[in-house]
Amino acid sequence: MSENREICDFEEEDSLQIDAREIAPLLGLTPERLMAELRAGQVYHTAEEGKQDEDSRMRIVFRYRARMARLIVESDGSMHPEINRTH
């Protein structure tokens, strides 16, 4: 897999990988710059998983400077991006 494609991989039973091309524009970055900023520790991400029923969702929040991008990942793998710029 190309370096530009792999964002996060949660080392659990179920692994999640998100293409940098999905996140980078939400943070105002190119995929290459996003990966460089992740490696430098300038982009942070957190994940929360709902376990209410079989139709659980995962919320992943990426932060870079004054920008925040939130992805909602449905149980079928579809994603619904949201963005909130605070600056």
N, C-alpha and C. Protein backbone atom coordinates (compact mmCIF):
# COMPACT_ATOMS: atom_id res chain seq x y z
N MET A 1 0.85 -1.19 0.00
CA MET A 1 0.00 0.00 0.00
C MET A 1 0.89 1.24 0.00
N SER A 2 0.51 2.20 -0.76
CA SER A 2 1.27 3.45 -0.87
C SER A 2 1.27 4.21 0.44
N GLU A 3 2.39 4.87 0.73
CA GLU A 3 2.51 5.66 1.95
C GLU A 3 1.44 6.75 2.03
N ASN A 4 1.04 7.29 0.90
CA ASN A 4 0.04 8.35 0.88
C ASN A 4 -1.36 7.86 1.22
N ARG A 5 -1.58 6.59 1.21
CA ARG A 5 -2.91 6.06 1.42
C ARG A 5 -3.17 5.69 2.88
N GLU A 6 -2.17 5.27 3.60
CA GLU A 6 -2.41 4.77 4.94
C GLU A 6 -2.36 5.90 5.96
N ILE A 7 -3.45 6.10 6.69
CA ILE A 7 -3.52 7.13 7.71
C ILE A 7 -3.40 6.51 9.07
N CYS A 8 -4.34 5.71 9.43
CA CYS A 8 -4.32 5.12 10.76
C CYS A 8 -4.70 3.66 10.67
N ASP A 9 -4.09 2.88 11.51
CA ASP A 9 -4.33 1.45 11.53
C ASP A 9 -4.42 1.06 13.00
N PHE A 10 -5.62 0.81 13.48
CA PHE A 10 -5.82 0.47 14.87
C PHE A 10 -5.52 -1.01 15.06
N GLU A 11 -4.54 -1.29 15.90
CA GLU A 11 -4.09 -2.67 16.08
C GLU A 11 -5.03 -3.41 17.02
N GLU A 12 -6.16 -3.75 16.51
CA GLU A 12 -7.14 -4.52 17.23
C GLU A 12 -7.59 -5.64 16.31
N GLU A 13 -8.60 -6.35 16.75
CA GLU A 13 -9.13 -7.43 15.94
C GLU A 13 -9.56 -6.93 14.57
N ASP A 14 -10.26 -5.80 14.54
CA ASP A 14 -10.67 -5.17 13.29
C ASP A 14 -9.79 -3.96 13.06
N SER A 15 -9.17 -3.90 11.90
CA SER A 15 -8.25 -2.82 11.58
C SER A 15 -8.94 -1.82 10.67
N LEU A 16 -8.61 -0.55 10.85
CA LEU A 16 -9.20 0.51 10.05
C LEU A 16 -8.09 1.30 9.39
N GLN A 17 -8.18 1.46 8.08
CA GLN A 17 -7.24 2.29 7.34
C GLN A 17 -8.05 3.29 6.54
N ILE A 18 -7.60 4.54 6.56
CA ILE A 18 -8.30 5.60 5.84
C ILE A 18 -7.33 6.25 4.88
N ASP A 19 -7.76 6.41 3.66
CA ASP A 19 -6.95 7.00 2.60
C ASP A 19 -6.68 8.48 2.92
N ALA A 20 -5.43 8.88 2.81
CA ALA A 20 -5.05 10.27 3.07
C ALA A 20 -5.79 11.24 2.16
N ARG A 21 -6.17 10.77 0.97
CA ARG A 21 -6.91 11.63 0.04
C ARG A 21 -8.30 11.97 0.56
N GLU A 22 -8.82 11.20 1.51
CA GLU A 22 -10.12 11.51 2.11
C GLU A 22 -10.02 12.61 3.17
N ILE A 23 -8.91 12.64 3.90
CA ILE A 23 -8.74 13.55 5.04
C ILE A 23 -8.04 14.84 4.67
N ALA A 24 -7.00 14.75 3.86
CA ALA A 24 -6.14 15.90 3.56
C ALA A 24 -6.92 17.15 3.14
N PRO A 25 -7.85 17.08 2.19
CA PRO A 25 -8.54 18.31 1.78
C PRO A 25 -9.38 18.91 2.90
N LEU A 26 -9.87 18.08 3.80
CA LEU A 26 -10.68 18.59 4.92
C LEU A 26 -9.83 19.43 5.88
N LEU A 27 -8.52 19.17 5.87
CA LEU A 27 -7.61 19.92 6.73
C LEU A 27 -6.81 20.96 5.95
N GLY A 28 -7.10 21.11 4.67
CA GLY A 28 -6.40 22.08 3.85
C GLY A 28 -5.00 21.65 3.47
N LEU A 29 -4.76 20.34 3.36
CA LEU A 29 -3.44 19.79 3.07
C LEU A 29 -3.49 18.89 1.85
N THR A 30 -2.33 18.65 1.26
CA THR A 30 -2.21 17.60 0.25
C THR A 30 -2.02 16.28 0.99
N PRO A 31 -2.28 15.15 0.35
CA PRO A 31 -2.05 13.87 1.01
C PRO A 31 -0.60 13.70 1.49
N GLU A 32 0.35 14.15 0.66
CA GLU A 32 1.76 14.02 1.04
C GLU A 32 2.07 14.87 2.27
N ARG A 33 1.55 16.08 2.30
CA ARG A 33 1.79 16.97 3.45
C ARG A 33 1.12 16.41 4.71
N LEU A 34 -0.08 15.86 4.55
CA LEU A 34 -0.76 15.24 5.69
C LEU A 34 0.09 14.14 6.29
N MET A 35 0.64 13.26 5.47
CA MET A 35 1.46 12.17 5.99
C MET A 35 2.71 12.71 6.68
N ALA A 36 3.33 13.74 6.11
CA ALA A 36 4.51 14.35 6.74
C ALA A 36 4.15 14.96 8.09
N GLU A 37 3.02 15.64 8.16
CA GLU A 37 2.59 16.27 9.42
C GLU A 37 2.19 15.21 10.45
N LEU A 38 1.62 14.11 10.02
CA LEU A 38 1.32 13.00 10.94
C LEU A 38 2.62 12.45 11.54
N ARG A 39 3.59 12.21 10.68
CA ARG A 39 4.88 11.68 11.16
C ARG A 39 5.57 12.66 12.10
N ALA A 40 5.40 13.96 11.86
CA ALA A 40 6.03 14.99 12.70
C ALA A 40 5.23 15.25 13.98
N GLY A 41 4.08 14.62 14.10
CA GLY A 41 3.26 14.80 15.31
C GLY A 41 2.43 16.07 15.30
N GLN A 42 2.24 16.67 14.13
CA GLN A 42 1.48 17.91 14.03
C GLN A 42 0.00 17.68 13.74
N VAL A 43 -0.35 16.49 13.29
CA VAL A 43 -1.75 16.11 13.08
C VAL A 43 -2.06 15.04 14.12
N TYR A 44 -3.13 15.26 14.87
CA TYR A 44 -3.54 14.33 15.91
C TYR A 44 -4.86 13.70 15.51
N HIS A 45 -5.08 12.49 15.94
CA HIS A 45 -6.38 11.86 15.68
C HIS A 45 -6.80 11.02 16.88
N THR A 46 -8.10 10.98 17.07
CA THR A 46 -8.70 10.15 18.10
C THR A 46 -9.86 9.39 17.47
N ALA A 47 -10.21 8.28 18.06
CA ALA A 47 -11.32 7.47 17.55
C ALA A 47 -12.19 7.01 18.70
N GLU A 48 -13.48 7.02 18.44
CA GLU A 48 -14.46 6.51 19.41
C GLU A 48 -15.36 5.55 18.66
N GLU A 49 -15.63 4.42 19.28
CA GLU A 49 -16.50 3.45 18.64
C GLU A 49 -17.74 3.23 19.48
N GLY A 50 -18.90 3.35 18.84
CA GLY A 50 -20.16 3.08 19.51
C GLY A 50 -20.45 1.59 19.47
N LYS A 51 -20.98 1.05 20.54
CA LYS A 51 -21.26 -0.39 20.59
C LYS A 51 -22.69 -0.63 21.06
N GLN A 52 -23.61 0.22 20.63
CA GLN A 52 -24.99 0.09 21.08
C GLN A 52 -25.68 -1.13 20.49
N ASP A 53 -25.42 -1.43 19.24
CA ASP A 53 -26.03 -2.57 18.59
C ASP A 53 -25.16 -3.00 17.41
N GLU A 54 -25.67 -3.86 16.57
CA GLU A 54 -24.90 -4.32 15.41
C GLU A 54 -24.60 -3.19 14.43
N ASP A 55 -25.36 -2.12 14.48
CA ASP A 55 -25.21 -1.01 13.55
C ASP A 55 -24.32 0.08 14.14
N SER A 56 -23.24 -0.30 14.80
CA SER A 56 -22.39 0.68 15.48
C SER A 56 -21.64 1.54 14.49
N ARG A 57 -21.26 2.73 14.95
CA ARG A 57 -20.50 3.70 14.16
C ARG A 57 -19.17 3.96 14.84
N MET A 58 -18.25 4.52 14.08
CA MET A 58 -16.99 4.97 14.63
C MET A 58 -16.85 6.44 14.25
N ARG A 59 -16.41 7.25 15.20
CA ARG A 59 -16.14 8.66 14.93
C ARG A 59 -14.63 8.85 15.04
N ILE A 60 -14.04 9.43 14.01
CA ILE A 60 -12.60 9.71 14.01
C ILE A 60 -12.43 11.21 13.82
N VAL A 61 -11.69 11.82 14.72
CA VAL A 61 -11.46 13.26 14.68
C VAL A 61 -9.98 13.50 14.42
N PHE A 62 -9.70 14.29 13.39
CA PHE A 62 -8.34 14.69 13.05
C PHE A 62 -8.22 16.18 13.34
N ARG A 63 -7.10 16.59 13.96
CA ARG A 63 -6.86 18.00 14.26
C ARG A 63 -5.50 18.41 13.71
N TYR A 64 -5.51 19.57 13.06
CA TYR A 64 -4.28 20.15 12.54
C TYR A 64 -4.40 21.66 12.69
N ARG A 65 -3.54 22.23 13.51
CA ARG A 65 -3.58 23.65 13.84
C ARG A 65 -4.99 24.02 14.28
N ALA A 66 -5.62 24.99 13.63
CA ALA A 66 -6.96 25.41 14.05
C ALA A 66 -8.06 24.68 13.29
N ARG A 67 -7.71 23.61 12.59
CA ARG A 67 -8.69 22.88 11.81
C ARG A 67 -8.99 21.53 12.44
N MET A 68 -10.24 21.14 12.26
CA MET A 68 -10.68 19.84 12.75
C MET A 68 -11.52 19.19 11.67
N ALA A 69 -11.27 17.94 11.40
CA ALA A 69 -12.09 17.17 10.46
C ALA A 69 -12.60 15.94 11.20
N ARG A 70 -13.89 15.70 11.06
CA ARG A 70 -14.50 14.56 11.73
C ARG A 70 -15.11 13.64 10.68
N LEU A 71 -14.79 12.36 10.80
CA LEU A 71 -15.37 11.35 9.93
C LEU A 71 -16.26 10.44 10.77
N ILE A 72 -17.43 10.18 10.26
CA ILE A 72 -18.29 9.18 10.85
C ILE A 72 -18.21 7.97 9.93
N VAL A 73 -17.76 6.84 10.47
CA VAL A 73 -17.63 5.62 9.70
C VAL A 73 -18.76 4.68 10.12
N GLU A 74 -19.63 4.37 9.17
CA GLU A 74 -20.76 3.49 9.44
C GLU A 74 -20.29 2.04 9.48
N SER A 75 -21.12 1.17 10.01
CA SER A 75 -20.76 -0.24 10.13
C SER A 75 -20.53 -0.89 8.77
N ASP A 76 -21.13 -0.33 7.70
CA ASP A 76 -20.92 -0.88 6.35
C ASP A 76 -19.65 -0.34 5.70
N GLY A 77 -18.91 0.54 6.40
CA GLY A 77 -17.66 1.09 5.88
C GLY A 77 -17.80 2.43 5.19
N SER A 78 -19.03 2.89 4.97
CA SER A 78 -19.21 4.20 4.35
C SER A 78 -18.82 5.30 5.33
N MET A 79 -18.32 6.42 4.78
CA MET A 79 -17.86 7.53 5.60
C MET A 79 -18.65 8.78 5.29
N HIS A 80 -18.87 9.60 6.32
CA HIS A 80 -19.58 10.86 6.18
C HIS A 80 -18.71 11.95 6.79
N PRO A 81 -17.93 12.65 5.97
CA PRO A 81 -17.04 13.68 6.53
C PRO A 81 -17.78 14.93 6.96
N GLU A 82 -17.27 15.53 8.02
CA GLU A 82 -17.73 16.82 8.49
C GLU A 82 -16.49 17.65 8.76
N ILE A 83 -16.60 18.97 8.67
CA ILE A 83 -15.46 19.83 8.95
C ILE A 83 -15.90 21.00 9.80
N ASN A 84 -15.02 21.42 10.69
CA ASN A 84 -15.28 22.57 11.56
C ASN A 84 -13.99 23.36 11.66
N ARG A 85 -13.97 24.53 11.05
CA ARG A 85 -12.78 25.39 11.14
C ARG A 85 -12.99 26.38 12.26
N THR A 86 -12.05 26.43 13.17
CA THR A 86 -12.17 27.36 14.29
C THR A 86 -11.31 28.60 14.08
N HIS A 87 -10.62 28.66 12.95
CA HIS A 87 -9.78 29.83 12.68
C HIS A 87 -9.91 30.25 11.25
